[in-house]
PDB file of all heavy atoms in Angstrom:
ATOM      1  N   LEU A   1       8.759   9.593  -0.866  1.00  0.00           N
ATOM      2  CA  LEU A   1       7.903   9.960   0.254  1.00  0.00           C
ATOM      3  C   LEU A   1       7.575  11.444   0.211  1.00  0.00           C
ATOM      4  O   LEU A   1       8.435  12.281  -0.060  1.00  0.00           O
ATOM      5  CB  LEU A   1       8.581   9.626   1.586  1.00  0.00           C
ATOM      6  CG  LEU A   1       8.856   8.140   1.861  1.00  0.00           C
ATOM      7  CD1 LEU A   1       9.560   7.982   3.204  1.00  0.00           C
ATOM      8  CD2 LEU A   1       7.578   7.329   1.829  1.00  0.00           C
ATOM      9  N   ASN A   2       6.316  11.780   0.514  1.00  0.00           N
ATOM     10  CA  ASN A   2       5.848  13.156   0.574  1.00  0.00           C
ATOM     11  C   ASN A   2       5.998  13.705   1.987  1.00  0.00           C
ATOM     12  O   ASN A   2       5.536  13.085   2.955  1.00  0.00           O
ATOM     13  CB  ASN A   2       4.371  13.235   0.167  1.00  0.00           C
ATOM     14  CG  ASN A   2       4.193  13.342  -1.332  1.00  0.00           C
ATOM     15  OD1 ASN A   2       4.655  14.286  -1.949  1.00  0.00           O
ATOM     16  ND2 ASN A   2       3.518  12.372  -1.910  1.00  0.00           N
ATOM     17  N   PHE A   3       6.613  14.878   2.117  1.00  0.00           N
ATOM     18  CA  PHE A   3       6.741  15.557   3.398  1.00  0.00           C
ATOM     19  C   PHE A   3       6.016  16.897   3.319  1.00  0.00           C
ATOM     20  O   PHE A   3       6.225  17.667   2.370  1.00  0.00           O
ATOM     21  CB  PHE A   3       8.208  15.796   3.757  1.00  0.00           C
ATOM     22  CG  PHE A   3       8.976  14.541   4.055  1.00  0.00           C
ATOM     23  CD1 PHE A   3       9.534  13.788   3.032  1.00  0.00           C
ATOM     24  CD2 PHE A   3       9.134  14.108   5.361  1.00  0.00           C
ATOM     25  CE1 PHE A   3      10.249  12.638   3.299  1.00  0.00           C
ATOM     26  CE2 PHE A   3       9.854  12.954   5.645  1.00  0.00           C
ATOM     27  CZ  PHE A   3      10.405  12.213   4.612  1.00  0.00           C
ATOM     28  N   LEU A   4       5.176  17.170   4.312  1.00  0.00           N
ATOM     29  CA  LEU A   4       4.455  18.438   4.366  1.00  0.00           C
ATOM     30  C   LEU A   4       5.412  19.558   4.741  1.00  0.00           C
ATOM     31  O   LEU A   4       6.188  19.433   5.698  1.00  0.00           O
ATOM     32  CB  LEU A   4       3.320  18.354   5.388  1.00  0.00           C
ATOM     33  CG  LEU A   4       2.393  19.565   5.483  1.00  0.00           C
ATOM     34  CD1 LEU A   4       1.563  19.688   4.209  1.00  0.00           C
ATOM     35  CD2 LEU A   4       1.484  19.448   6.703  1.00  0.00           C
ATOM     36  N   LEU A   5       5.348  20.658   3.990  1.00  0.00           N
ATOM     37  CA  LEU A   5       6.205  21.801   4.289  1.00  0.00           C
ATOM     38  C   LEU A   5       5.711  22.516   5.547  1.00  0.00           C
ATOM     39  O   LEU A   5       4.496  22.612   5.784  1.00  0.00           O
ATOM     40  CB  LEU A   5       6.225  22.780   3.117  1.00  0.00           C
ATOM     41  CG  LEU A   5       7.316  22.556   2.060  1.00  0.00           C
ATOM     42  CD1 LEU A   5       7.130  21.227   1.347  1.00  0.00           C
ATOM     43  CD2 LEU A   5       7.300  23.701   1.037  1.00  0.00           C
ATOM     44  N   PRO A   6       6.620  23.032   6.374  1.00  0.00           N
ATOM     45  CA  PRO A   6       6.219  23.765   7.576  1.00  0.00           C
ATOM     46  C   PRO A   6       5.332  24.965   7.224  1.00  0.00           C
ATOM     47  O   PRO A   6       5.477  25.581   6.167  1.00  0.00           O
ATOM     48  CB  PRO A   6       7.556  24.218   8.182  1.00  0.00           C
ATOM     49  CG  PRO A   6       8.569  23.261   7.628  1.00  0.00           C
ATOM     50  CD  PRO A   6       8.090  22.902   6.257  1.00  0.00           C
ATOM     51  N   ASN A   7       4.381  25.271   8.110  1.00  0.00           N
ATOM     52  CA  ASN A   7       3.460  26.399   7.952  1.00  0.00           C
ATOM     53  C   ASN A   7       2.622  26.285   6.683  1.00  0.00           C
ATOM     54  O   ASN A   7       2.270  27.281   6.058  1.00  0.00           O
ATOM     55  CB  ASN A   7       4.211  27.738   7.948  1.00  0.00           C
ATOM     56  CG  ASN A   7       5.021  27.960   9.211  1.00  0.00           C
ATOM     57  OD1 ASN A   7       4.628  27.517  10.295  1.00  0.00           O
ATOM     58  ND2 ASN A   7       6.154  28.625   9.071  1.00  0.00           N
ATOM     59  N   SER A   8       2.314  25.061   6.315  1.00  0.00           N
ATOM     60  CA  SER A   8       1.552  24.848   5.090  1.00  0.00           C
ATOM     61  C   SER A   8       0.418  23.871   5.362  1.00  0.00           C
ATOM     62  O   SER A   8       0.501  23.018   6.253  1.00  0.00           O
ATOM     63  CB  SER A   8       2.462  24.304   3.988  1.00  0.00           C
ATOM     64  OG  SER A   8       1.703  23.843   2.895  1.00  0.00           O
ATOM     65  N   ILE A   9      -0.638  23.993   4.557  1.00  0.00           N
ATOM     66  CA  ILE A   9      -1.750  23.053   4.646  1.00  0.00           C
ATOM     67  C   ILE A   9      -1.586  21.919   3.650  1.00  0.00           C
ATOM     68  O   ILE A   9      -1.821  20.753   3.959  1.00  0.00           O
ATOM     69  CB  ILE A   9      -3.096  23.774   4.407  1.00  0.00           C
ATOM     70  CG1 ILE A   9      -3.368  24.767   5.536  1.00  0.00           C
ATOM     71  CG2 ILE A   9      -4.232  22.771   4.307  1.00  0.00           C
ATOM     72  CD1 ILE A   9      -4.638  25.566   5.351  1.00  0.00           C
ATOM     73  N   SER A  10      -1.159  22.251   2.428  1.00  0.00           N
ATOM     74  CA  SER A  10      -1.126  21.229   1.379  1.00  0.00           C
ATOM     75  C   SER A  10       0.163  21.207   0.563  1.00  0.00           C
ATOM     76  O   SER A  10       0.296  20.363  -0.319  1.00  0.00           O
ATOM     77  CB  SER A  10      -2.315  21.431   0.427  1.00  0.00           C
ATOM     78  OG  SER A  10      -2.264  22.712  -0.175  1.00  0.00           O
ATOM     79  N   ASP A  11       1.113  22.099   0.826  1.00  0.00           N
ATOM     80  CA  ASP A  11       2.369  22.102   0.070  1.00  0.00           C
ATOM     81  C   ASP A  11       3.273  20.976   0.569  1.00  0.00           C
ATOM     82  O   ASP A  11       3.463  20.801   1.778  1.00  0.00           O
ATOM     83  CB  ASP A  11       3.086  23.444   0.221  1.00  0.00           C
ATOM     84  CG  ASP A  11       2.321  24.582  -0.441  1.00  0.00           C
ATOM     85  OD1 ASP A  11       1.536  24.300  -1.360  1.00  0.00           O
ATOM     86  OD2 ASP A  11       2.509  25.738  -0.030  1.00  0.00           O
ATOM     87  N   THR A  12       3.841  20.225  -0.359  1.00  0.00           N
ATOM     88  CA  THR A  12       4.675  19.084   0.009  1.00  0.00           C
ATOM     89  C   THR A  12       5.960  19.079  -0.797  1.00  0.00           C
ATOM     90  O   THR A  12       6.083  19.765  -1.819  1.00  0.00           O
ATOM     91  CB  THR A  12       3.937  17.755  -0.225  1.00  0.00           C
ATOM     92  OG1 THR A  12       3.676  17.601  -1.627  1.00  0.00           O
ATOM     93  CG2 THR A  12       2.638  17.697   0.543  1.00  0.00           C
ATOM     94  N   ARG A  13       6.903  18.262  -0.358  1.00  0.00           N
ATOM     95  CA  ARG A  13       8.139  18.025  -1.098  1.00  0.00           C
ATOM     96  C   ARG A  13       8.433  16.522  -1.044  1.00  0.00           C
ATOM     97  O   ARG A  13       8.229  15.878  -0.014  1.00  0.00           O
ATOM     98  CB  ARG A  13       9.293  18.827  -0.510  1.00  0.00           C
ATOM     99  CG  ARG A  13      10.575  18.792  -1.346  1.00  0.00           C
ATOM    100  CD  ARG A  13      11.475  19.966  -0.971  1.00  0.00           C
ATOM    101  NE  ARG A  13      10.792  21.230  -1.252  1.00  0.00           N
ATOM    102  CZ  ARG A  13      11.094  22.387  -0.643  1.00  0.00           C
ATOM    103  NH1 ARG A  13      12.060  22.437   0.250  1.00  0.00           N
ATOM    104  NH2 ARG A  13      10.434  23.488  -0.957  1.00  0.00           N
ATOM    105  N   VAL A  14       8.887  15.972  -2.155  1.00  0.00           N
ATOM    106  CA  VAL A  14       9.132  14.535  -2.260  1.00  0.00           C
ATOM    107  C   VAL A  14      10.628  14.271  -2.132  1.00  0.00           C
ATOM    108  O   VAL A  14      11.444  14.923  -2.793  1.00  0.00           O
ATOM    109  CB  VAL A  14       8.603  13.979  -3.598  1.00  0.00           C
ATOM    110  CG1 VAL A  14       8.934  12.491  -3.725  1.00  0.00           C
ATOM    111  CG2 VAL A  14       7.095  14.191  -3.703  1.00  0.00           C
ATOM    112  N   PHE A  15      10.974  13.304  -1.285  1.00  0.00           N
ATOM    113  CA  PHE A  15      12.356  12.881  -1.110  1.00  0.00           C
ATOM    114  C   PHE A  15      12.438  11.361  -1.286  1.00  0.00           C
ATOM    115  O   PHE A  15      11.516  10.632  -0.900  1.00  0.00           O
ATOM    116  CB  PHE A  15      12.877  13.241   0.286  1.00  0.00           C
ATOM    117  CG  PHE A  15      12.983  14.711   0.549  1.00  0.00           C
ATOM    118  CD1 PHE A  15      11.920  15.420   1.093  1.00  0.00           C
ATOM    119  CD2 PHE A  15      14.155  15.400   0.259  1.00  0.00           C
ATOM    120  CE1 PHE A  15      12.011  16.776   1.347  1.00  0.00           C
ATOM    121  CE2 PHE A  15      14.256  16.762   0.510  1.00  0.00           C
ATOM    122  CZ  PHE A  15      13.184  17.456   1.052  1.00  0.00           C
ATOM    123  N   ASN A  16      13.563  10.890  -1.864  1.00  0.00           N
ATOM    124  CA  ASN A  16      13.841   9.449  -1.927  1.00  0.00           C
ATOM    125  C   ASN A  16      14.533   9.027  -0.638  1.00  0.00           C
ATOM    126  O   ASN A  16      15.721   8.725  -0.609  1.00  0.00           O
ATOM    127  CB  ASN A  16      14.734   9.117  -3.131  1.00  0.00           C
ATOM    128  CG  ASN A  16      14.041   9.367  -4.447  1.00  0.00           C
ATOM    129  OD1 ASN A  16      14.115  10.458  -5.006  1.00  0.00           O
ATOM    130  ND2 ASN A  16      13.359   8.338  -4.943  1.00  0.00           N
ATOM    131  N   SER A  17      13.763   8.999   0.442  1.00  0.00           N
ATOM    132  CA  SER A  17      14.380   8.793   1.749  1.00  0.00           C
ATOM    133  C   SER A  17      13.834   7.583   2.479  1.00  0.00           C
ATOM    134  O   SER A  17      14.131   7.388   3.653  1.00  0.00           O
ATOM    135  CB  SER A  17      14.175  10.039   2.623  1.00  0.00           C
ATOM    136  OG  SER A  17      12.799  10.342   2.732  1.00  0.00           O
ATOM    137  N   GLY A  18      13.064   6.773   1.804  1.00  0.00           N
ATOM    138  CA  GLY A  18      12.442   5.661   2.495  1.00  0.00           C
ATOM    139  C   GLY A  18      12.887   4.305   1.969  1.00  0.00           C
ATOM    140  O   GLY A  18      13.283   4.159   0.815  1.00  0.00           O
ATOM    141  N   SER A  19      12.832   3.319   2.836  1.00  0.00           N
ATOM    142  CA  SER A  19      12.991   1.919   2.445  1.00  0.00           C
ATOM    143  C   SER A  19      11.936   1.133   3.203  1.00  0.00           C
ATOM    144  O   SER A  19      11.550   1.488   4.319  1.00  0.00           O
ATOM    145  CB  SER A  19      14.397   1.408   2.742  1.00  0.00           C
ATOM    146  OG  SER A  19      14.670   1.506   4.130  1.00  0.00           O
ATOM    147  N   ALA A  20      11.473   0.050   2.589  1.00  0.00           N
ATOM    148  CA  ALA A  20      10.340  -0.656   3.173  1.00  0.00           C
ATOM    149  C   ALA A  20      10.389  -2.121   2.792  1.00  0.00           C
ATOM    150  O   ALA A  20      11.068  -2.525   1.836  1.00  0.00           O
ATOM    151  CB  ALA A  20       9.024  -0.034   2.710  1.00  0.00           C
ATOM    152  N   THR A  21       9.650  -2.916   3.538  1.00  0.00           N
ATOM    153  CA  THR A  21       9.455  -4.325   3.210  1.00  0.00           C
ATOM    154  C   THR A  21       7.965  -4.629   3.235  1.00  0.00           C
ATOM    155  O   THR A  21       7.205  -4.050   4.029  1.00  0.00           O
ATOM    156  CB  THR A  21      10.185  -5.251   4.198  1.00  0.00           C
ATOM    157  OG1 THR A  21       9.715  -4.993   5.527  1.00  0.00           O
ATOM    158  CG2 THR A  21      11.683  -5.037   4.135  1.00  0.00           C
ATOM    159  N   LEU A  22       7.563  -5.527   2.354  1.00  0.00           N
ATOM    160  CA  LEU A  22       6.193  -6.004   2.311  1.00  0.00           C
ATOM    161  C   LEU A  22       6.240  -7.524   2.231  1.00  0.00           C
ATOM    162  O   LEU A  22       7.089  -8.090   1.525  1.00  0.00           O
ATOM    163  CB  LEU A  22       5.425  -5.464   1.099  1.00  0.00           C
ATOM    164  CG  LEU A  22       5.330  -3.966   0.882  1.00  0.00           C
ATOM    165  CD1 LEU A  22       6.439  -3.505  -0.057  1.00  0.00           C
ATOM    166  CD2 LEU A  22       3.981  -3.611   0.273  1.00  0.00           C
ATOM    167  N   SER A  23       5.340  -8.172   2.916  1.00  0.00           N
ATOM    168  CA  SER A  23       5.244  -9.622   2.831  1.00  0.00           C
ATOM    169  C   SER A  23       3.795 -10.023   3.023  1.00  0.00           C
ATOM    170  O   SER A  23       2.999  -9.291   3.619  1.00  0.00           O
ATOM    171  CB  SER A  23       6.132 -10.291   3.884  1.00  0.00           C
ATOM    172  OG  SER A  23       5.750  -9.892   5.193  1.00  0.00           O
ATOM    173  N   GLY A  24       3.461 -11.206   2.516  1.00  0.00           N
ATOM    174  CA  GLY A  24       2.087 -11.637   2.668  1.00  0.00           C
ATOM    175  C   GLY A  24       1.798 -12.911   1.918  1.00  0.00           C
ATOM    176  O   GLY A  24       2.680 -13.525   1.301  1.00  0.00           O
ATOM    177  N   ILE A  25       0.538 -13.299   1.978  1.00  0.00           N
ATOM    178  CA  ILE A  25       0.058 -14.470   1.246  1.00  0.00           C
ATOM    179  C   ILE A  25      -1.233 -14.099   0.524  1.00  0.00           C
ATOM    180  O   ILE A  25      -1.970 -13.203   0.956  1.00  0.00           O
ATOM    181  CB  ILE A  25      -0.187 -15.680   2.179  1.00  0.00           C
ATOM    182  CG1 ILE A  25      -1.230 -15.328   3.252  1.00  0.00           C
ATOM    183  CG2 ILE A  25       1.103 -16.156   2.809  1.00  0.00           C
ATOM    184  CD1 ILE A  25      -1.657 -16.521   4.074  1.00  0.00           C
ATOM    185  N   GLU A  26      -1.495 -14.786  -0.567  1.00  0.00           N
ATOM    186  CA  GLU A  26      -2.720 -14.597  -1.350  1.00  0.00           C
ATOM    187  C   GLU A  26      -3.268 -15.961  -1.731  1.00  0.00           C
ATOM    188  O   GLU A  26      -2.548 -16.786  -2.311  1.00  0.00           O
ATOM    189  CB  GLU A  26      -2.423 -13.749  -2.594  1.00  0.00           C
ATOM    190  CG  GLU A  26      -2.078 -12.322  -2.247  1.00  0.00           C
ATOM    191  CD  GLU A  26      -1.241 -11.591  -3.276  1.00  0.00           C
ATOM    192  OE1 GLU A  26      -0.711 -12.261  -4.185  1.00  0.00           O
ATOM    193  OE2 GLU A  26      -1.096 -10.355  -3.162  1.00  0.00           O
ATOM    194  N   LEU A  27      -4.511 -16.203  -1.377  1.00  0.00           N
ATOM    195  CA  LEU A  27      -5.131 -17.513  -1.562  1.00  0.00           C
ATOM    196  C   LEU A  27      -6.414 -17.356  -2.365  1.00  0.00           C
ATOM    197  O   LEU A  27      -7.214 -16.451  -2.106  1.00  0.00           O
ATOM    198  CB  LEU A  27      -5.421 -18.148  -0.200  1.00  0.00           C
ATOM    199  CG  LEU A  27      -6.094 -19.515  -0.152  1.00  0.00           C
ATOM    200  CD1 LEU A  27      -5.651 -20.270   1.101  1.00  0.00           C
ATOM    201  CD2 LEU A  27      -7.626 -19.401  -0.149  1.00  0.00           C
ATOM    202  N   GLU A  28      -6.608 -18.246  -3.340  1.00  0.00           N
ATOM    203  CA  GLU A  28      -7.829 -18.283  -4.139  1.00  0.00           C
ATOM    204  C   GLU A  28      -8.273 -19.735  -4.253  1.00  0.00           C
ATOM    205  O   GLU A  28      -7.446 -20.633  -4.460  1.00  0.00           O
ATOM    206  CB  GLU A  28      -7.592 -17.736  -5.556  1.00  0.00           C
ATOM    207  CG  GLU A  28      -6.657 -16.537  -5.656  1.00  0.00           C
ATOM    208  CD  GLU A  28      -7.305 -15.252  -5.214  1.00  0.00           C
ATOM    209  OE1 GLU A  28      -8.550 -15.216  -5.138  1.00  0.00           O
ATOM    210  OE2 GLU A  28      -6.575 -14.296  -4.928  1.00  0.00           O
ATOM    211  N   ALA A  29      -9.566 -19.981  -4.117  1.00  0.00           N
ATOM    212  CA  ALA A  29     -10.072 -21.345  -4.249  1.00  0.00           C
ATOM    213  C   ALA A  29     -11.477 -21.317  -4.822  1.00  0.00           C
ATOM    214  O   ALA A  29     -12.297 -20.467  -4.458  1.00  0.00           O
ATOM    215  CB  ALA A  29     -10.076 -22.063  -2.902  1.00  0.00           C
ATOM    216  N   SER A  30     -11.760 -22.260  -5.736  1.00  0.00           N
ATOM    217  CA  SER A  30     -13.093 -22.463  -6.296  1.00  0.00           C
ATOM    218  C   SER A  30     -13.398 -23.948  -6.226  1.00  0.00           C
ATOM    219  O   SER A  30     -12.537 -24.788  -6.516  1.00  0.00           O
ATOM    220  CB  SER A  30     -13.158 -22.011  -7.755  1.00  0.00           C
ATOM    221  OG  SER A  30     -12.948 -20.628  -7.865  1.00  0.00           O
ATOM    222  N   ALA A  31     -14.626 -24.280  -5.852  1.00  0.00           N
ATOM    223  CA  ALA A  31     -14.969 -25.697  -5.740  1.00  0.00           C
ATOM    224  C   ALA A  31     -16.458 -25.903  -5.937  1.00  0.00           C
ATOM    225  O   ALA A  31     -17.280 -25.111  -5.447  1.00  0.00           O
ATOM    226  CB  ALA A  31     -14.555 -26.245  -4.380  1.00  0.00           C
ATOM    227  N   PHE A  32     -16.809 -26.951  -6.664  1.00  0.00           N
ATOM    228  CA  PHE A  32     -18.176 -27.429  -6.705  1.00  0.00           C
ATOM    229  C   PHE A  32     -18.398 -28.291  -5.464  1.00  0.00           C
ATOM    230  O   PHE A  32     -17.842 -29.383  -5.337  1.00  0.00           O
ATOM    231  CB  PHE A  32     -18.423 -28.262  -7.965  1.00  0.00           C
ATOM    232  CG  PHE A  32     -18.791 -27.442  -9.165  1.00  0.00           C
ATOM    233  CD1 PHE A  32     -17.881 -27.223 -10.184  1.00  0.00           C
ATOM    234  CD2 PHE A  32     -20.053 -26.889  -9.273  1.00  0.00           C
ATOM    235  CE1 PHE A  32     -18.212 -26.470 -11.291  1.00  0.00           C
ATOM    236  CE2 PHE A  32     -20.400 -26.136 -10.373  1.00  0.00           C
ATOM    237  CZ  PHE A  32     -19.489 -25.920 -11.392  1.00  0.00           C
ATOM    238  N   LEU A  33     -19.225 -27.814  -4.541  1.00  0.00           N
ATOM    239  CA  LEU A  33     -19.555 -28.590  -3.356  1.00  0.00           C
ATOM    240  C   LEU A  33     -20.608 -29.638  -3.664  1.00  0.00           C
ATOM    241  O   LEU A  33     -20.742 -30.619  -2.934  1.00  0.00           O
ATOM    242  CB  LEU A  33     -20.031 -27.659  -2.237  1.00  0.00           C
ATOM    243  CG  LEU A  33     -19.036 -26.550  -1.855  1.00  0.00           C
ATOM    244  CD1 LEU A  33     -19.586 -25.721  -0.709  1.00  0.00           C
ATOM    245  CD2 LEU A  33     -17.678 -27.130  -1.498  1.00  0.00           C
ATOM    246  N   SER A  34     -21.359 -29.390  -4.721  1.00  0.00           N
ATOM    247  CA  SER A  34     -22.284 -30.362  -5.285  1.00  0.00           C
ATOM    248  C   SER A  34     -22.527 -29.935  -6.714  1.00  0.00           C
ATOM    249  O   SER A  34     -21.995 -28.920  -7.178  1.00  0.00           O
ATOM    250  CB  SER A  34     -23.595 -30.415  -4.489  1.00  0.00           C
ATOM    251  OG  SER A  34     -24.376 -29.250  -4.736  1.00  0.00           O
ATOM    252  N   SER A  35     -23.350 -30.703  -7.442  1.00  0.00           N
ATOM    253  CA  SER A  35     -23.618 -30.329  -8.828  1.00  0.00           C
ATOM    254  C   SER A  35     -24.386 -29.025  -8.927  1.00  0.00           C
ATOM    255  O   SER A  35     -24.442 -28.410  -9.986  1.00  0.00           O
ATOM    256  CB  SER A  35     -24.405 -31.438  -9.521  1.00  0.00           C
ATOM    257  OG  SER A  35     -25.656 -31.636  -8.869  1.00  0.00           O
ATOM    258  N   LYS A  36     -24.970 -28.563  -7.820  1.00  0.00           N
ATOM    259  CA  LYS A  36     -25.761 -27.336  -7.826  1.00  0.00           C
ATOM    260  C   LYS A  36     -25.119 -26.195  -7.039  1.00  0.00           C
ATOM    261  O   LYS A  36     -25.664 -25.096  -7.013  1.00  0.00           O
ATOM    262  CB  LYS A  36     -27.159 -27.611  -7.243  1.00  0.00           C
ATOM    263  CG  LYS A  36     -28.034 -28.510  -8.096  1.00  0.00           C
ATOM    264  CD  LYS A  36     -29.397 -28.694  -7.450  1.00  0.00           C
ATOM    265  CE  LYS A  36     -30.313 -29.517  -8.339  1.00  0.00           C
ATOM    266  NZ  LYS A  36     -30.660 -28.778  -9.573  1.00  0.00           N
TER     267      LYS A  36
END
């Protein structure tokens, strides 16, 4: 994770201080509804 340094516009420091979860679904479908 990037943390902005105090009194700074763009200076940052990276720490391994985060944990997270992600979940979801992904769906794909193709079909001929008619010959055309």
